[in-house]
Amino acid sequence: MKQSIWRKKKVDIKDVVGISDKLRSLLIDNDINDSNNLFDAKEDELLEIKGLGAKTLEKIKDKVTEHLQSAND
């Protein structure tokens, strides 16, 4: 998804379907509260969060992107 598209619509991480409560809490506890925080963060900084690996991060970003795309339809 192009940056300009997801920038137009911001979604709270707590509202994204398909992210476990544990991961949702992990993100929020690390100040990743919405889609802008997630996509603005540097990947290496996100991967420093204990419990968050590359595959999990990719899945989270995919779920957030799906949510944003469905909100734009």
N, C-alpha and C. Protein backbone atom coordinates (compact mmCIF):
# COMPACT_ATOMS: atom_id res chain seq x y z
N MET A 1 0.85 -1.17 0.00
CA MET A 1 0.00 0.00 0.00
C MET A 1 0.89 1.23 0.00
N LYS A 2 0.58 2.16 -0.83
CA LYS A 2 1.38 3.37 -0.91
C LYS A 2 1.17 4.21 0.35
N GLN A 3 2.25 4.89 0.74
CA GLN A 3 2.21 5.69 1.95
C GLN A 3 1.07 6.70 1.92
N SER A 4 0.83 7.34 0.80
CA SER A 4 -0.20 8.37 0.73
C SER A 4 -1.59 7.80 1.02
N ILE A 5 -1.82 6.54 0.66
CA ILE A 5 -3.12 5.93 0.90
C ILE A 5 -3.32 5.67 2.38
N TRP A 6 -2.35 5.02 3.05
CA TRP A 6 -2.57 4.72 4.46
C TRP A 6 -2.46 5.95 5.33
N ARG A 7 -1.81 7.00 4.85
CA ARG A 7 -1.73 8.25 5.60
C ARG A 7 -3.07 8.96 5.67
N LYS A 8 -3.89 8.80 4.64
CA LYS A 8 -5.18 9.47 4.59
C LYS A 8 -6.13 8.92 5.64
N LYS A 9 -6.01 7.66 5.95
CA LYS A 9 -6.91 7.03 6.91
C LYS A 9 -6.07 6.39 8.00
N LYS A 10 -6.24 6.84 9.21
CA LYS A 10 -5.50 6.30 10.35
C LYS A 10 -6.43 5.37 11.12
N VAL A 11 -5.90 4.24 11.56
CA VAL A 11 -6.69 3.29 12.34
C VAL A 11 -5.96 2.98 13.64
N ASP A 12 -6.72 2.92 14.73
CA ASP A 12 -6.14 2.52 16.01
C ASP A 12 -5.81 1.04 15.96
N ILE A 13 -4.68 0.68 16.51
CA ILE A 13 -4.25 -0.72 16.55
C ILE A 13 -5.31 -1.57 17.26
N LYS A 14 -5.95 -1.03 18.27
CA LYS A 14 -6.96 -1.80 19.02
C LYS A 14 -8.17 -2.16 18.17
N ASP A 15 -8.36 -1.49 17.05
CA ASP A 15 -9.52 -1.74 16.19
C ASP A 15 -9.23 -2.71 15.05
N VAL A 16 -7.98 -3.12 14.89
CA VAL A 16 -7.61 -4.00 13.78
C VAL A 16 -7.93 -5.45 14.14
N VAL A 17 -8.74 -6.08 13.29
CA VAL A 17 -9.11 -7.49 13.48
C VAL A 17 -7.96 -8.37 13.02
N GLY A 18 -7.71 -9.44 13.76
CA GLY A 18 -6.69 -10.40 13.36
C GLY A 18 -5.37 -10.25 14.08
N ILE A 19 -5.28 -9.29 14.99
CA ILE A 19 -4.08 -9.14 15.82
C ILE A 19 -4.45 -9.64 17.21
N SER A 20 -3.66 -10.56 17.74
CA SER A 20 -3.97 -11.13 19.05
C SER A 20 -3.90 -10.06 20.14
N ASP A 21 -4.59 -10.30 21.23
CA ASP A 21 -4.57 -9.36 22.36
C ASP A 21 -3.14 -9.16 22.87
N LYS A 22 -2.37 -10.25 22.89
CA LYS A 22 -0.98 -10.17 23.37
C LYS A 22 -0.16 -9.23 22.48
N LEU A 23 -0.26 -9.41 21.16
CA LEU A 23 0.49 -8.54 20.25
C LEU A 23 -0.02 -7.11 20.28
N ARG A 24 -1.33 -6.96 20.38
CA ARG A 24 -1.93 -5.63 20.46
C ARG A 24 -1.38 -4.89 21.69
N SER A 25 -1.34 -5.56 22.82
CA SER A 25 -0.81 -4.96 24.05
C SER A 25 0.67 -4.65 23.91
N LEU A 26 1.41 -5.55 23.28
CA LEU A 26 2.83 -5.35 23.06
C LEU A 26 3.08 -4.08 22.24
N LEU A 27 2.31 -3.90 21.19
CA LEU A 27 2.45 -2.70 20.35
C LEU A 27 2.09 -1.44 21.14
N ILE A 28 0.94 -1.47 21.79
CA ILE A 28 0.48 -0.29 22.53
C ILE A 28 1.44 0.07 23.66
N ASP A 29 1.96 -0.95 24.35
CA ASP A 29 2.92 -0.70 25.43
C ASP A 29 4.21 -0.06 24.91
N ASN A 30 4.46 -0.20 23.62
CA ASN A 30 5.65 0.39 23.00
C ASN A 30 5.30 1.60 22.12
N ASP A 31 4.19 2.24 22.45
CA ASP A 31 3.75 3.49 21.81
C ASP A 31 3.42 3.34 20.33
N ILE A 32 3.04 2.14 19.91
CA ILE A 32 2.55 1.92 18.56
C ILE A 32 1.03 1.81 18.70
N ASN A 33 0.36 2.96 18.72
CA ASN A 33 -1.06 3.02 19.01
C ASN A 33 -1.95 3.05 17.76
N ASP A 34 -1.35 3.40 16.63
CA ASP A 34 -2.16 3.49 15.42
C ASP A 34 -1.31 3.16 14.19
N SER A 35 -1.98 3.12 13.05
CA SER A 35 -1.30 2.73 11.81
C SER A 35 -0.17 3.68 11.45
N ASN A 36 -0.32 4.96 11.72
CA ASN A 36 0.75 5.90 11.41
C ASN A 36 1.99 5.61 12.24
N ASN A 37 1.81 5.33 13.54
CA ASN A 37 2.95 4.97 14.39
C ASN A 37 3.65 3.74 13.85
N LEU A 38 2.86 2.75 13.44
CA LEU A 38 3.42 1.49 12.94
C LEU A 38 4.23 1.71 11.66
N PHE A 39 3.65 2.39 10.69
CA PHE A 39 4.33 2.55 9.41
C PHE A 39 5.42 3.61 9.43
N ASP A 40 5.38 4.53 10.39
CA ASP A 40 6.43 5.53 10.53
C ASP A 40 7.67 4.98 11.24
N ALA A 41 7.47 3.97 12.06
CA ALA A 41 8.57 3.41 12.85
C ALA A 41 9.57 2.69 11.94
N LYS A 42 10.82 2.78 12.30
CA LYS A 42 11.86 2.05 11.57
C LYS A 42 11.74 0.58 11.92
N GLU A 43 11.88 -0.27 10.90
CA GLU A 43 11.69 -1.70 11.11
C GLU A 43 12.67 -2.25 12.14
N ASP A 44 13.91 -1.81 12.12
CA ASP A 44 14.88 -2.33 13.09
C ASP A 44 14.50 -1.95 14.52
N GLU A 45 13.87 -0.79 14.70
CA GLU A 45 13.41 -0.40 16.04
C GLU A 45 12.24 -1.27 16.47
N LEU A 46 11.34 -1.56 15.54
CA LEU A 46 10.22 -2.43 15.87
C LEU A 46 10.70 -3.83 16.23
N LEU A 47 11.70 -4.31 15.53
CA LEU A 47 12.21 -5.66 15.78
C LEU A 47 12.97 -5.76 17.10
N GLU A 48 13.31 -4.63 17.69
CA GLU A 48 13.95 -4.63 19.01
C GLU A 48 12.94 -4.90 20.12
N ILE A 49 11.65 -4.80 19.82
CA ILE A 49 10.61 -5.06 20.81
C ILE A 49 10.60 -6.56 21.11
N LYS A 50 10.79 -6.89 22.35
CA LYS A 50 10.82 -8.30 22.76
C LYS A 50 9.48 -8.96 22.44
N GLY A 51 9.54 -10.08 21.71
CA GLY A 51 8.33 -10.80 21.35
C GLY A 51 7.83 -10.48 19.95
N LEU A 52 8.53 -9.60 19.26
CA LEU A 52 8.12 -9.20 17.91
C LEU A 52 9.23 -9.53 16.93
N GLY A 53 8.97 -10.53 16.08
CA GLY A 53 9.95 -10.94 15.07
C GLY A 53 9.53 -10.44 13.70
N ALA A 54 10.37 -10.70 12.73
CA ALA A 54 10.13 -10.21 11.37
C ALA A 54 8.84 -10.75 10.77
N LYS A 55 8.59 -12.04 10.93
CA LYS A 55 7.37 -12.64 10.37
C LYS A 55 6.13 -12.08 11.05
N THR A 56 6.18 -11.96 12.35
CA THR A 56 5.04 -11.41 13.10
C THR A 56 4.78 -9.97 12.71
N LEU A 57 5.84 -9.19 12.58
CA LEU A 57 5.71 -7.79 12.18
C LEU A 57 5.07 -7.70 10.79
N GLU A 58 5.49 -8.55 9.88
CA GLU A 58 4.93 -8.56 8.54
C GLU A 58 3.43 -8.88 8.58
N LYS A 59 3.05 -9.85 9.41
CA LYS A 59 1.64 -10.22 9.53
C LYS A 59 0.82 -9.07 10.12
N ILE A 60 1.38 -8.39 11.10
CA ILE A 60 0.69 -7.24 11.71
C ILE A 60 0.48 -6.15 10.67
N LYS A 61 1.52 -5.83 9.93
CA LYS A 61 1.40 -4.80 8.90
C LYS A 61 0.39 -5.20 7.84
N ASP A 62 0.35 -6.49 7.49
CA ASP A 62 -0.64 -6.97 6.52
C ASP A 62 -2.06 -6.78 7.05
N LYS A 63 -2.28 -7.09 8.32
CA LYS A 63 -3.62 -6.94 8.92
C LYS A 63 -4.03 -5.47 8.98
N VAL A 64 -3.10 -4.61 9.33
CA VAL A 64 -3.40 -3.18 9.37
C VAL A 64 -3.70 -2.67 7.97
N THR A 65 -2.93 -3.09 6.99
CA THR A 65 -3.15 -2.69 5.60
C THR A 65 -4.52 -3.16 5.12
N GLU A 66 -4.86 -4.42 5.42
CA GLU A 66 -6.19 -4.94 5.04
C GLU A 66 -7.29 -4.10 5.65
N HIS A 67 -7.13 -3.74 6.92
CA HIS A 67 -8.13 -2.92 7.60
C HIS A 67 -8.27 -1.56 6.92
N LEU A 68 -7.14 -0.95 6.60
CA LEU A 68 -7.17 0.36 5.94
C LEU A 68 -7.79 0.27 4.56
N GLN A 69 -7.48 -0.79 3.83
CA GLN A 69 -8.06 -0.95 2.49
C GLN A 69 -9.56 -1.16 2.56
N SER A 70 -10.02 -1.94 3.52
CA SER A 70 -11.46 -2.17 3.64
C SER A 70 -12.18 -0.90 4.08
N ALA A 71 -11.50 -0.06 4.84
CA ALA A 71 -12.10 1.21 5.26
C ALA A 71 -12.19 2.20 4.11
N ASN A 72 -11.32 2.03 3.11
CA ASN A 72 -11.32 2.93 1.95
C ASN A 72 -12.28 2.49 0.87
N ASP A 73 -12.80 1.28 0.96
CA ASP A 73 -13.75 0.79 -0.08
C ASP A 73 -15.12 1.39 0.07
